[in-house]
């Protein structure tokens, strides 16, 4: 999320964000509220968006989790293993691996925070 805010050259007009996109990204980065409690919109799932916009990333109806899980599980891996060498993207000896669960150890402070909410 920081890449467009910090690293992209703004001298190229194609890299410039619109004012509203920049404000939203900056507020999300700084953990500032995006909405006031009275103007928060309603999601397609029927839930009210939270003030910080986290619902958009957690909602199972509109999130990309289903597509991610399909690509990550064995559903797409065999197809990619056959197509990518043919397209010359990887060598035929390369193996397309799926994301390993628990690859990143859980942050103990984050875990404590999650358990405190329950």
PDB file of N, CA and C in Angstrom:
ATOM      1  N   UNK A   1       0.814  -1.188   0.000  1.00  0.00           N
ATOM      2  CA  UNK A   1       0.000   0.000   0.000  1.00  0.00           C
ATOM      3  C   UNK A   1       0.862   1.257   0.000  1.00  0.00           C
ATOM      4  N   UNK A   2       2.076   1.177   0.494  1.00  0.00           N
ATOM      5  CA  UNK A   2       2.941   2.350   0.515  1.00  0.00           C
ATOM      6  C   UNK A   2       3.565   2.637  -0.838  1.00  0.00           C
ATOM      7  N   UNK A   3       3.662   1.638  -1.697  1.00  0.00           N
ATOM      8  CA  UNK A   3       4.366   1.813  -2.959  1.00  0.00           C
ATOM      9  C   UNK A   3       3.861   3.002  -3.771  1.00  0.00           C
ATOM     10  N   UNK A   4       2.567   3.117  -4.047  1.00  0.00           N
ATOM     11  CA  UNK A   4       2.125   4.282  -4.822  1.00  0.00           C
ATOM     12  C   UNK A   4       2.291   5.593  -4.069  1.00  0.00           C
ATOM     13  N   UNK A   5       2.296   5.539  -2.762  1.00  0.00           N
ATOM     14  CA  UNK A   5       2.431   6.766  -1.983  1.00  0.00           C
ATOM     15  C   UNK A   5       3.868   7.260  -1.919  1.00  0.00           C
ATOM     16  N   UNK A   6       4.832   6.338  -1.879  1.00  0.00           N
ATOM     17  CA  UNK A   6       6.207   6.732  -1.615  1.00  0.00           C
ATOM     18  C   UNK A   6       7.148   6.495  -2.799  1.00  0.00           C
ATOM     19  N   UNK A   7       7.122   5.302  -3.380  1.00  0.00           N
ATOM     20  CA  UNK A   7       8.160   4.900  -4.314  1.00  0.00           C
ATOM     21  C   UNK A   7       7.911   5.271  -5.771  1.00  0.00           C
ATOM     22  N   UNK A   8       6.675   5.430  -6.181  1.00  0.00           N
ATOM     23  CA  UNK A   8       6.423   5.708  -7.594  1.00  0.00           C
ATOM     24  C   UNK A   8       6.713   7.163  -7.924  1.00  0.00           C
ATOM     25  N   UNK A   9       7.340   7.368  -9.056  1.00  0.00           N
ATOM     26  CA  UNK A   9       7.683   8.720  -9.479  1.00  0.00           C
ATOM     27  C   UNK A   9       6.424   9.482  -9.875  1.00  0.00           C
ATOM     28  N   UNK A  10       6.227  10.635  -9.271  1.00  0.00           N
ATOM     29  CA  UNK A  10       5.057  11.443  -9.612  1.00  0.00           C
ATOM     30  C   UNK A  10       5.334  12.352 -10.802  1.00  0.00           C
ATOM     31  N   UNK A  11       6.577  12.320 -11.322  1.00  0.00           N
ATOM     32  CA  UNK A  11       6.878  13.126 -12.504  1.00  0.00           C
ATOM     33  C   UNK A  11       6.212  12.524 -13.739  1.00  0.00           C
ATOM     34  N   UNK A  12       5.899  11.237 -13.686  1.00  0.00           N
ATOM     35  CA  UNK A  12       5.175  10.589 -14.775  1.00  0.00           C
ATOM     36  C   UNK A  12       3.677  10.741 -14.494  1.00  0.00           C
ATOM     37  N   UNK A  13       2.934  11.440 -15.352  1.00  0.00           N
ATOM     38  CA  UNK A  13       1.501  11.658 -15.092  1.00  0.00           C
ATOM     39  C   UNK A  13       0.701  10.365 -14.921  1.00  0.00           C
ATOM     40  N   UNK A  14       1.151   9.266 -15.536  1.00  0.00           N
ATOM     41  CA  UNK A  14       0.444   7.984 -15.405  1.00  0.00           C
ATOM     42  C   UNK A  14       0.528   7.432 -13.982  1.00  0.00           C
ATOM     43  N   UNK A  15       1.515   7.862 -13.233  1.00  0.00           N
ATOM     44  CA  UNK A  15       1.703   7.363 -11.866  1.00  0.00           C
ATOM     45  C   UNK A  15       0.994   8.210 -10.816  1.00  0.00           C
ATOM     46  N   UNK A  16       0.419   9.309 -11.231  1.00  0.00           N
ATOM     47  CA  UNK A  16      -0.237  10.188 -10.266  1.00  0.00           C
ATOM     48  C   UNK A  16      -1.619   9.650  -9.914  1.00  0.00           C
ATOM     49  N   UNK A  17      -1.929   9.685  -8.639  1.00  0.00           N
ATOM     50  CA  UNK A  17      -3.245   9.252  -8.165  1.00  0.00           C
ATOM     51  C   UNK A  17      -4.210  10.424  -8.191  1.00  0.00           C
ATOM     52  N   UNK A  18      -5.492  10.091  -8.326  1.00  0.00           N
ATOM     53  CA  UNK A  18      -6.489  11.148  -8.198  1.00  0.00           C
ATOM     54  C   UNK A  18      -6.498  11.598  -6.737  1.00  0.00           C
ATOM     55  N   UNK A  19      -7.022  12.770  -6.482  1.00  0.00           N
ATOM     56  CA  UNK A  19      -7.041  13.286  -5.108  1.00  0.00           C
ATOM     57  C   UNK A  19      -7.759  12.344  -4.157  1.00  0.00           C
ATOM     58  N   UNK A  20      -8.920  11.823  -4.577  1.00  0.00           N
ATOM     59  CA  UNK A  20      -9.696  10.964  -3.677  1.00  0.00           C
ATOM     60  C   UNK A  20      -8.960   9.648  -3.404  1.00  0.00           C
ATOM     61  N   UNK A  21      -8.318   9.060  -4.419  1.00  0.00           N
ATOM     62  CA  UNK A  21      -7.561   7.828  -4.207  1.00  0.00           C
ATOM     63  C   UNK A  21      -6.384   8.068  -3.263  1.00  0.00           C
ATOM     64  N   UNK A  22      -5.696   9.191  -3.453  1.00  0.00           N
ATOM     65  CA  UNK A  22      -4.566   9.514  -2.596  1.00  0.00           C
ATOM     66  C   UNK A  22      -5.024   9.701  -1.149  1.00  0.00           C
ATOM     67  N   UNK A  23      -6.120  10.408  -0.951  1.00  0.00           N
ATOM     68  CA  UNK A  23      -6.635  10.645   0.410  1.00  0.00           C
ATOM     69  C   UNK A  23      -7.004   9.325   1.073  1.00  0.00           C
ATOM     70  N   UNK A  24      -7.689   8.445   0.337  1.00  0.00           N
ATOM     71  CA  UNK A  24      -8.085   7.148   0.902  1.00  0.00           C
ATOM     72  C   UNK A  24      -6.855   6.331   1.263  1.00  0.00           C
ATOM     73  N   UNK A  25      -5.885   6.264   0.367  1.00  0.00           N
ATOM     74  CA  UNK A  25      -4.677   5.476   0.645  1.00  0.00           C
ATOM     75  C   UNK A  25      -3.885   6.056   1.814  1.00  0.00           C
ATOM     76  N   UNK A  26      -3.789   7.362   1.875  1.00  0.00           N
ATOM     77  CA  UNK A  26      -3.061   7.995   2.966  1.00  0.00           C
ATOM     78  C   UNK A  26      -3.763   7.757   4.303  1.00  0.00           C
ATOM     79  N   UNK A  27      -5.078   7.887   4.329  1.00  0.00           N
ATOM     80  CA  UNK A  27      -5.822   7.638   5.571  1.00  0.00           C
ATOM     81  C   UNK A  27      -5.696   6.178   6.002  1.00  0.00           C
ATOM     82  N   UNK A  28      -5.744   5.244   5.055  1.00  0.00           N
ATOM     83  CA  UNK A  28      -5.598   3.830   5.410  1.00  0.00           C
ATOM     84  C   UNK A  28      -4.193   3.569   5.955  1.00  0.00           C
ATOM     85  N   UNK A  29      -3.198   4.184   5.340  1.00  0.00           N
ATOM     86  CA  UNK A  29      -1.822   3.994   5.783  1.00  0.00           C
ATOM     87  C   UNK A  29      -1.609   4.552   7.183  1.00  0.00           C
ATOM     88  N   UNK A  30      -2.206   5.700   7.471  1.00  0.00           N
ATOM     89  CA  UNK A  30      -2.038   6.349   8.774  1.00  0.00           C
ATOM     90  C   UNK A  30      -3.077   5.896   9.810  1.00  0.00           C
ATOM     91  N   UNK A  31      -3.915   4.935   9.423  1.00  0.00           N
ATOM     92  CA  UNK A  31      -4.967   4.404  10.300  1.00  0.00           C
ATOM     93  C   UNK A  31      -5.908   5.498  10.789  1.00  0.00           C
ATOM     94  N   UNK A  32      -6.263   6.384   9.885  1.00  0.00           N
ATOM     95  CA  UNK A  32      -7.239   7.430  10.175  1.00  0.00           C
ATOM     96  C   UNK A  32      -8.598   6.988   9.661  1.00  0.00           C
ATOM     97  N   UNK A  33      -9.681   7.398  10.290  1.00  0.00           N
ATOM     98  CA  UNK A  33     -11.006   6.963   9.833  1.00  0.00           C
ATOM     99  C   UNK A  33     -11.317   7.484   8.428  1.00  0.00           C
ATOM    100  N   UNK A  34     -11.931   6.609   7.634  1.00  0.00           N
ATOM    101  CA  UNK A  34     -12.342   6.982   6.277  1.00  0.00           C
ATOM    102  C   UNK A  34     -13.743   7.580   6.266  1.00  0.00           C
ATOM    103  N   UNK A  35     -14.566   7.124   7.176  1.00  0.00           N
ATOM    104  CA  UNK A  35     -15.960   7.547   7.230  1.00  0.00           C
ATOM    105  C   UNK A  35     -16.270   8.138   8.596  1.00  0.00           C
ATOM    106  N   UNK A  36     -17.316   8.910   8.648  1.00  0.00           N
ATOM    107  CA  UNK A  36     -17.869   9.261   9.955  1.00  0.00           C
ATOM    108  C   UNK A  36     -18.950   8.213  10.222  1.00  0.00           C
ATOM    109  N   UNK A  37     -19.328   7.984  11.462  1.00  0.00           N
ATOM    110  CA  UNK A  37     -20.337   6.959  11.749  1.00  0.00           C
ATOM    111  C   UNK A  37     -21.653   7.190  11.007  1.00  0.00           C
ATOM    112  N   UNK A  38     -21.961   8.415  10.668  1.00  0.00           N
ATOM    113  CA  UNK A  38     -23.233   8.691   9.996  1.00  0.00           C
ATOM    114  C   UNK A  38     -23.152   8.514   8.479  1.00  0.00           C
ATOM    115  N   UNK A  39     -21.943   8.554   7.891  1.00  0.00           N
ATOM    116  CA  UNK A  39     -21.831   8.446   6.435  1.00  0.00           C
ATOM    117  C   UNK A  39     -21.274   7.113   5.958  1.00  0.00           C
ATOM    118  N   UNK A  40     -20.984   6.184   6.861  1.00  0.00           N
ATOM    119  CA  UNK A  40     -20.447   4.883   6.452  1.00  0.00           C
ATOM    120  C   UNK A  40     -21.455   4.162   5.570  1.00  0.00           C
ATOM    121  N   UNK A  41     -20.983   3.669   4.447  1.00  0.00           N
ATOM    122  CA  UNK A  41     -21.880   3.010   3.500  1.00  0.00           C
ATOM    123  C   UNK A  41     -22.148   1.568   3.915  1.00  0.00           C
ATOM    124  N   UNK A  42     -23.083   0.940   3.224  1.00  0.00           N
ATOM    125  CA  UNK A  42     -23.438  -0.444   3.488  1.00  0.00           C
ATOM    126  C   UNK A  42     -22.825  -1.321   2.411  1.00  0.00           C
ATOM    127  N   UNK A  43     -22.257  -2.432   2.818  1.00  0.00           N
ATOM    128  CA  UNK A  43     -21.629  -3.386   1.908  1.00  0.00           C
ATOM    129  C   UNK A  43     -22.705  -4.189   1.175  1.00  0.00           C
ATOM    130  N   UNK A  44     -22.303  -4.867   0.101  1.00  0.00           N
ATOM    131  CA  UNK A  44     -23.230  -5.737  -0.631  1.00  0.00           C
ATOM    132  C   UNK A  44     -23.743  -6.875   0.245  1.00  0.00           C
ATOM    133  N   UNK A  45     -22.966  -7.228   1.289  1.00  0.00           N
ATOM    134  CA  UNK A  45     -23.387  -8.309   2.184  1.00  0.00           C
ATOM    135  C   UNK A  45     -24.426  -7.833   3.197  1.00  0.00           C
ATOM    136  N   UNK A  46     -24.643  -6.518   3.260  1.00  0.00           N
ATOM    137  CA  UNK A  46     -25.628  -5.964   4.179  1.00  0.00           C
ATOM    138  C   UNK A  46     -25.036  -5.349   5.434  1.00  0.00           C
ATOM    139  N   UNK A  47     -23.761  -5.581   5.690  1.00  0.00           N
ATOM    140  CA  UNK A  47     -23.108  -5.025   6.878  1.00  0.00           C
ATOM    141  C   UNK A  47     -22.679  -3.584   6.627  1.00  0.00           C
ATOM    142  N   UNK A  48     -22.639  -2.798   7.679  1.00  0.00           N
ATOM    143  CA  UNK A  48     -22.138  -1.427   7.593  1.00  0.00           C
ATOM    144  C   UNK A  48     -20.615  -1.467   7.528  1.00  0.00           C
ATOM    145  N   UNK A  49     -20.038  -0.632   6.681  1.00  0.00           N
ATOM    146  CA  UNK A  49     -18.577  -0.525   6.641  1.00  0.00           C
ATOM    147  C   UNK A  49     -18.097   0.118   7.940  1.00  0.00           C
ATOM    148  N   UNK A  50     -16.972  -0.400   8.443  1.00  0.00           N
ATOM    149  CA  UNK A  50     -16.407   0.191   9.654  1.00  0.00           C
ATOM    150  C   UNK A  50     -15.699   1.488   9.283  1.00  0.00           C
ATOM    151  N   UNK A  51     -15.398   2.294  10.269  1.00  0.00           N
ATOM    152  CA  UNK A  51     -14.836   3.624  10.038  1.00  0.00           C
ATOM    153  C   UNK A  51     -13.485   3.615   9.328  1.00  0.00           C
ATOM    154  N   UNK A  52     -12.721   2.518   9.478  1.00  0.00           N
ATOM    155  CA  UNK A  52     -11.371   2.462   8.921  1.00  0.00           C
ATOM    156  C   UNK A  52     -11.299   1.687   7.599  1.00  0.00           C
ATOM    157  N   UNK A  53     -12.415   1.190   7.108  1.00  0.00           N
ATOM    158  CA  UNK A  53     -12.451   0.503   5.825  1.00  0.00           C
ATOM    159  C   UNK A  53     -11.941  -0.923   5.848  1.00  0.00           C
ATOM    160  N   UNK A  54     -11.846  -1.530   7.021  1.00  0.00           N
ATOM    161  CA  UNK A  54     -11.348  -2.900   7.118  1.00  0.00           C
ATOM    162  C   UNK A  54     -12.348  -3.926   6.578  1.00  0.00           C
ATOM    163  N   UNK A  55     -13.624  -3.615   6.634  1.00  0.00           N
ATOM    164  CA  UNK A  55     -14.636  -4.575   6.203  1.00  0.00           C
ATOM    165  C   UNK A  55     -14.420  -4.999   4.749  1.00  0.00           C
ATOM    166  N   UNK A  56     -13.981  -4.087   3.900  1.00  0.00           N
ATOM    167  CA  UNK A  56     -13.772  -4.404   2.487  1.00  0.00           C
ATOM    168  C   UNK A  56     -12.748  -5.516   2.300  1.00  0.00           C
ATOM    169  N   UNK A  57     -11.818  -5.659   3.225  1.00  0.00           N
ATOM    170  CA  UNK A  57     -10.797  -6.695   3.113  1.00  0.00           C
ATOM    171  C   UNK A  57     -11.203  -7.981   3.833  1.00  0.00           C
ATOM    172  N   UNK A  58     -12.187  -7.901   4.698  1.00  0.00           N
ATOM    173  CA  UNK A  58     -12.596  -9.067   5.493  1.00  0.00           C
ATOM    174  C   UNK A  58     -13.882  -9.712   4.998  1.00  0.00           C
ATOM    175  N   UNK A  59     -14.688  -8.996   4.239  1.00  0.00           N
ATOM    176  CA  UNK A  59     -15.992  -9.499   3.793  1.00  0.00           C
ATOM    177  C   UNK A  59     -15.804 -10.671   2.830  1.00  0.00           C
ATOM    178  N   UNK A  60     -16.454 -11.791   3.115  1.00  0.00           N
ATOM    179  CA  UNK A  60     -16.316 -12.957   2.250  1.00  0.00           C
ATOM    180  C   UNK A  60     -17.077 -12.791   0.935  1.00  0.00           C
ATOM    181  N   UNK A  61     -18.044 -11.888   0.895  1.00  0.00           N
ATOM    182  CA  UNK A  61     -18.815 -11.688  -0.335  1.00  0.00           C
ATOM    183  C   UNK A  61     -18.033 -10.899  -1.381  1.00  0.00           C
ATOM    184  N   UNK A  62     -17.267  -9.904  -0.973  1.00  0.00           N
ATOM    185  CA  UNK A  62     -16.580  -9.048  -1.944  1.00  0.00           C
ATOM    186  C   UNK A  62     -15.063  -9.195  -1.945  1.00  0.00           C
ATOM    187  N   UNK A  63     -14.501  -9.990  -1.029  1.00  0.00           N
ATOM    188  CA  UNK A  63     -13.042 -10.097  -0.970  1.00  0.00           C
ATOM    189  C   UNK A  63     -12.520 -11.020  -2.075  1.00  0.00           C
ATOM    190  N   UNK A  64     -11.226 -11.006  -2.249  1.00  0.00           N
ATOM    191  CA  UNK A  64     -10.584 -11.838  -3.265  1.00  0.00           C
ATOM    192  C   UNK A  64     -10.154 -13.181  -2.682  1.00  0.00           C
ATOM    193  N   UNK A  65     -10.623 -13.514  -1.477  1.00  0.00           N
ATOM    194  CA  UNK A  65     -10.187 -14.726  -0.807  1.00  0.00           C
ATOM    195  C   UNK A  65     -10.547 -15.990  -1.585  1.00  0.00           C
ATOM    196  N   UNK A  66     -11.721 -16.033  -2.194  1.00  0.00           N
ATOM    197  CA  UNK A  66     -12.138 -17.229  -2.939  1.00  0.00           C
ATOM    198  C   UNK A  66     -11.199 -17.448  -4.120  1.00  0.00           C
ATOM    199  N   UNK A  67     -10.908 -16.385  -4.873  1.00  0.00           N
ATOM    200  CA  UNK A  67      -9.983 -16.505  -6.008  1.00  0.00           C
ATOM    201  C   UNK A  67      -8.585 -16.876  -5.523  1.00  0.00           C
ATOM    202  N   UNK A  68      -8.142 -16.257  -4.433  1.00  0.00           N
ATOM    203  CA  UNK A  68      -6.826 -16.571  -3.866  1.00  0.00           C
ATOM    204  C   UNK A  68      -6.746 -18.034  -3.472  1.00  0.00           C
ATOM    205  N   UNK A  69      -7.775 -18.523  -2.780  1.00  0.00           N
ATOM    206  CA  UNK A  69      -7.761 -19.905  -2.328  1.00  0.00           C
ATOM    207  C   UNK A  69      -7.774 -20.880  -3.500  1.00  0.00           C
ATOM    208  N   UNK A  70      -8.500 -20.552  -4.573  1.00  0.00           N
ATOM    209  CA  UNK A  70      -8.536 -21.430  -5.739  1.00  0.00           C
ATOM    210  C   UNK A  70      -7.164 -21.486  -6.405  1.00  0.00           C
ATOM    211  N   UNK A  71      -6.522 -20.347  -6.548  1.00  0.00           N
ATOM    212  CA  UNK A  71      -5.194 -20.306  -7.166  1.00  0.00           C
ATOM    213  C   UNK A  71      -4.187 -20.997  -6.264  1.00  0.00           C
ATOM    214  N   UNK A  72      -4.300 -20.797  -4.970  1.00  0.00           N
ATOM    215  CA  UNK A  72      -3.326 -21.315  -4.018  1.00  0.00           C
ATOM    216  C   UNK A  72      -3.455 -22.815  -3.798  1.00  0.00           C
ATOM    217  N   UNK A  73      -4.637 -23.364  -3.887  1.00  0.00           N
ATOM    218  CA  UNK A  73      -4.808 -24.798  -3.661  1.00  0.00           C
ATOM    219  C   UNK A  73      -4.491 -25.547  -4.948  1.00  0.00           C
ATOM    220  N   UNK A  74      -4.672 -26.815  -4.943  1.00  0.00           N
ATOM    221  CA  UNK A  74      -4.314 -27.638  -6.096  1.00  0.00           C
ATOM    222  C   UNK A  74      -5.218 -27.400  -7.304  1.00  0.00           C
ATOM    223  N   UNK A  75      -6.243 -26.570  -7.185  1.00  0.00           N
ATOM    224  CA  UNK A  75      -7.159 -26.332  -8.295  1.00  0.00           C
ATOM    225  C   UNK A  75      -6.493 -25.782  -9.538  1.00  0.00           C
ATOM    226  N   UNK A  76      -5.607 -24.827  -9.423  1.00  0.00           N
ATOM    227  CA  UNK A  76      -4.988 -24.191 -10.582  1.00  0.00           C
ATOM    228  C   UNK A  76      -3.525 -24.586 -10.775  1.00  0.00           C
ATOM    229  N   UNK A  77      -2.917 -25.132  -9.763  1.00  0.00           N
ATOM    230  CA  UNK A  77      -1.487 -25.459  -9.827  1.00  0.00           C
ATOM    231  C   UNK A  77      -1.160 -26.423 -10.970  1.00  0.00           C
ATOM    232  N   UNK A  78      -1.877 -27.538 -11.189  1.00  0.00           N
ATOM    233  CA  UNK A  78      -1.521 -28.430 -12.304  1.00  0.00           C
ATOM    234  C   UNK A  78      -1.651 -27.754 -13.675  1.00  0.00           C
ATOM    235  N   UNK A  79      -2.647 -26.914 -13.830  1.00  0.00           N
ATOM    236  CA  UNK A  79      -2.826 -26.200 -15.096  1.00  0.00           C
ATOM    237  C   UNK A  79      -1.668 -25.254 -15.341  1.00  0.00           C
ATOM    238  N   UNK A  80      -1.285 -24.481 -14.320  1.00  0.00           N
ATOM    239  CA  UNK A  80      -0.159 -23.560 -14.453  1.00  0.00           C
ATOM    240  C   UNK A  80       1.138 -24.322 -14.733  1.00  0.00           C
ATOM    241  N   UNK A  81       1.304 -25.502 -14.122  1.00  0.00           N
ATOM    242  CA  UNK A  81       2.510 -26.306 -14.328  1.00  0.00           C
ATOM    243  C   UNK A  81       2.660 -26.689 -15.797  1.00  0.00           C
ATOM    244  N   UNK A  82       1.542 -26.894 -16.494  1.00  0.00           N
ATOM    245  CA  UNK A  82       1.595 -27.259 -17.909  1.00  0.00           C
ATOM    246  C   UNK A  82       1.693 -26.046 -18.828  1.00  0.00           C
ATOM    247  N   UNK A  83       1.018 -24.957 -18.480  1.00  0.00           N
ATOM    248  CA  UNK A  83       0.936 -23.792 -19.363  1.00  0.00           C
ATOM    249  C   UNK A  83       2.185 -22.910 -19.297  1.00  0.00           C
ATOM    250  N   UNK A  84       2.714 -22.650 -18.125  1.00  0.00           N
ATOM    251  CA  UNK A  84       3.824 -21.703 -17.983  1.00  0.00           C
ATOM    252  C   UNK A  84       5.089 -22.104 -18.748  1.00  0.00           C
ATOM    253  N   UNK A  85       5.498 -23.387 -18.747  1.00  0.00           N
ATOM    254  CA  UNK A  85       6.659 -23.740 -19.580  1.00  0.00           C
ATOM    255  C   UNK A  85       6.377 -23.563 -21.077  1.00  0.00           C
ATOM    256  N   UNK A  86       5.169 -23.870 -21.504  1.00  0.00           N
ATOM    257  CA  UNK A  86       4.804 -23.709 -22.908  1.00  0.00           C
ATOM    258  C   UNK A  86       4.889 -22.247 -23.329  1.00  0.00           C
ATOM    259  N   UNK A  87       4.493 -21.346 -22.426  1.00  0.00           N
ATOM    260  CA  UNK A  87       4.555 -19.913 -22.715  1.00  0.00           C
ATOM    261  C   UNK A  87       5.961 -19.353 -22.553  1.00  0.00           C
ATOM    262  N   UNK A  88       6.894 -20.160 -22.058  1.00  0.00           N
ATOM    263  CA  UNK A  88       8.265 -19.712 -21.880  1.00  0.00           C
ATOM    264  C   UNK A  88       8.472 -18.859 -20.641  1.00  0.00           C
ATOM    265  N   UNK A  89       7.524 -18.892 -19.713  1.00  0.00           N
ATOM    266  CA  UNK A  89       7.633 -18.090 -18.490  1.00  0.00           C
ATOM    267  C   UNK A  89       8.540 -18.781 -17.472  1.00  0.00           C
ATOM    268  N   UNK A  90       8.452 -20.117 -17.411  1.00  0.00           N
ATOM    269  CA  UNK A  90       9.336 -20.903 -16.545  1.00  0.00           C
ATOM    270  C   UNK A  90       9.913 -22.035 -17.377  1.00  0.00           C
ATOM    271  N   UNK A  91      10.987 -22.634 -16.903  1.00  0.00           N
ATOM    272  CA  UNK A  91      11.545 -23.790 -17.611  1.00  0.00           C
ATOM    273  C   UNK A  91      10.716 -25.029 -17.275  1.00  0.00           C
ATOM    274  N   UNK A  92      10.825 -26.047 -18.113  1.00  0.00           N
ATOM    275  CA  UNK A  92      10.017 -27.253 -17.888  1.00  0.00           C
ATOM    276  C   UNK A  92      10.441 -27.992 -16.624  1.00  0.00           C
ATOM    277  N   UNK A  93      11.661 -27.742 -16.139  1.00  0.00           N
ATOM    278  CA  UNK A  93      12.111 -28.404 -14.909  1.00  0.00           C
ATOM    279  C   UNK A  93      11.650 -27.658 -13.651  1.00  0.00           C
ATOM    280  N   UNK A  94      11.131 -26.449 -13.819  1.00  0.00           N
ATOM    281  CA  UNK A  94      10.651 -25.680 -12.665  1.00  0.00           C
ATOM    282  C   UNK A  94       9.347 -26.265 -12.141  1.00  0.00           C
ATOM    283  N   UNK A  95       9.124 -26.072 -10.854  1.00  0.00           N
ATOM    284  CA  UNK A  95       7.905 -26.568 -10.219  1.00  0.00           C
ATOM    285  C   UNK A  95       7.103 -25.373  -9.709  1.00  0.00           C
ATOM    286  N   UNK A  96       5.819 -25.346 -10.069  1.00  0.00           N
ATOM    287  CA  UNK A  96       4.929 -24.301  -9.559  1.00  0.00           C
ATOM    288  C   UNK A  96       4.472 -24.752  -8.184  1.00  0.00           C
ATOM    289  N   UNK A  97       4.844 -23.998  -7.185  1.00  0.00           N
ATOM    290  CA  UNK A  97       4.488 -24.366  -5.810  1.00  0.00           C
ATOM    291  C   UNK A  97       3.349 -23.492  -5.323  1.00  0.00           C
ATOM    292  N   UNK A  98       2.535 -24.056  -4.478  1.00  0.00           N
ATOM    293  CA  UNK A  98       1.463 -23.283  -3.863  1.00  0.00           C
ATOM    294  C   UNK A  98       1.977 -22.704  -2.554  1.00  0.00           C
ATOM    295  N   UNK A  99       1.279 -21.719  -2.059  1.00  0.00           N
ATOM    296  CA  UNK A  99       1.650 -21.052  -0.813  1.00  0.00           C
ATOM    297  C   UNK A  99       1.563 -22.038   0.346  1.00  0.00           C
ATOM    298  N   UNK A 100       2.611 -22.082   1.135  1.00  0.00           N
ATOM    299  CA  UNK A 100       2.631 -22.994   2.269  1.00  0.00           C
ATOM    300  C   UNK A 100       1.927 -22.355   3.464  1.00  0.00           C
ATOM    301  N   UNK A 101       1.023 -23.085   4.119  1.00  0.00           N
ATOM    302  CA  UNK A 101       0.360 -22.507   5.304  1.00  0.00           C
ATOM    303  C   UNK A 101       1.354 -22.337   6.447  1.00  0.00           C
ATOM    304  N   UNK A 102       1.117 -21.330   7.256  1.00  0.00           N
ATOM    305  CA  UNK A 102       1.946 -21.026   8.428  1.00  0.00           C
ATOM    306  C   UNK A 102       3.398 -20.764   8.060  1.00  0.00           C
ATOM    307  N   UNK A 103       3.621 -20.217   6.862  1.00  0.00           N
ATOM    308  CA  UNK A 103       4.980 -19.892   6.418  1.00  0.00           C
ATOM    309  C   UNK A 103       5.568 -18.763   7.270  1.00  0.00           C
ATOM    310  N   UNK A 104       4.747 -17.794   7.598  1.00  0.00           N
ATOM    311  CA  UNK A 104       5.185 -16.685   8.440  1.00  0.00           C
ATOM    312  C   UNK A 104       4.713 -16.971   9.860  1.00  0.00           C
ATOM    313  N   UNK A 105       5.629 -17.020  10.805  1.00  0.00           N
ATOM    314  CA  UNK A 105       5.200 -17.292  12.186  1.00  0.00           C
ATOM    315  C   UNK A 105       4.276 -16.185  12.687  1.00  0.00           C
ATOM    316  N   UNK A 106       3.333 -16.566  13.484  1.00  0.00           N
ATOM    317  CA  UNK A 106       2.368 -15.604  13.995  1.00  0.00           C
ATOM    318  C   UNK A 106       3.061 -14.620  14.940  1.00  0.00           C
ATOM    319  N   UNK A 107       2.652 -13.399  14.842  1.00  0.00           N
ATOM    320  CA  UNK A 107       3.186 -12.348  15.698  1.00  0.00           C
ATOM    321  C   UNK A 107       2.562 -12.512  17.083  1.00  0.00           C
ATOM    322  N   UNK A 108       3.350 -12.741  18.141  1.00  0.00           N
ATOM    323  CA  UNK A 108       2.785 -12.957  19.469  1.00  0.00           C
ATOM    324  C   UNK A 108       1.963 -11.771  19.967  1.00  0.00           C
ATOM    325  N   UNK A 109       2.361 -10.554  19.624  1.00  0.00           N
ATOM    326  CA  UNK A 109       1.594  -9.392  20.062  1.00  0.00           C
ATOM    327  C   UNK A 109       0.249  -9.347  19.354  1.00  0.00           C
ATOM    328  N   UNK A 110       0.232  -9.686  18.069  1.00  0.00           N
ATOM    329  CA  UNK A 110      -1.023  -9.723  17.301  1.00  0.00           C
ATOM    330  C   UNK A 110      -1.936 -10.807  17.859  1.00  0.00           C
ATOM    331  N   UNK A 111      -1.377 -11.975  18.175  1.00  0.00           N
ATOM    332  CA  UNK A 111      -2.173 -13.071  18.722  1.00  0.00           C
ATOM    333  C   UNK A 111      -2.800 -12.659  20.051  1.00  0.00           C
ATOM    334  N   UNK A 112      -2.045 -11.965  20.891  1.00  0.00           N
ATOM    335  CA  UNK A 112      -2.569 -11.522  22.183  1.00  0.00           C
ATOM    336  C   UNK A 112      -3.722 -10.546  21.959  1.00  0.00           C
ATOM    337  N   UNK A 113      -3.572  -9.657  20.974  1.00  0.00           N
ATOM    338  CA  UNK A 113      -4.616  -8.670  20.653  1.00  0.00           C
ATOM    339  C   UNK A 113      -5.887  -9.369  20.173  1.00  0.00           C
ATOM    340  N   UNK A 114      -5.727 -10.407  19.316  1.00  0.00           N
ATOM    341  CA  UNK A 114      -6.889 -11.119  18.797  1.00  0.00           C
ATOM    342  C   UNK A 114      -7.621 -11.868  19.899  1.00  0.00           C
ATOM    343  N   UNK A 115      -6.869 -12.473  20.826  1.00  0.00           N
ATOM    344  CA  UNK A 115      -7.494 -13.228  21.919  1.00  0.00           C
ATOM    345  C   UNK A 115      -8.197 -12.288  22.905  1.00  0.00           C
ATOM    346  N   UNK A 116      -7.690 -11.079  23.031  1.00  0.00           N
ATOM    347  CA  UNK A 116      -8.306 -10.107  23.955  1.00  0.00           C
ATOM    348  C   UNK A 116      -9.679  -9.674  23.455  1.00  0.00           C
ATOM    349  N   UNK A 117      -9.879  -9.682  22.115  1.00  0.00           N
ATOM    350  CA  UNK A 117     -11.163  -9.257  21.541  1.00  0.00           C
ATOM    351  C   UNK A 117     -12.266 -10.265  21.803  1.00  0.00           C
ATOM    352  N   UNK A 118     -11.904 -11.541  21.978  1.00  0.00           N
ATOM    353  CA  UNK A 118     -12.919 -12.590  22.136  1.00  0.00           C
ATOM    354  C   UNK A 118     -13.618 -12.543  23.443  1.00  0.00           C
TER     355      UNK A 118
END
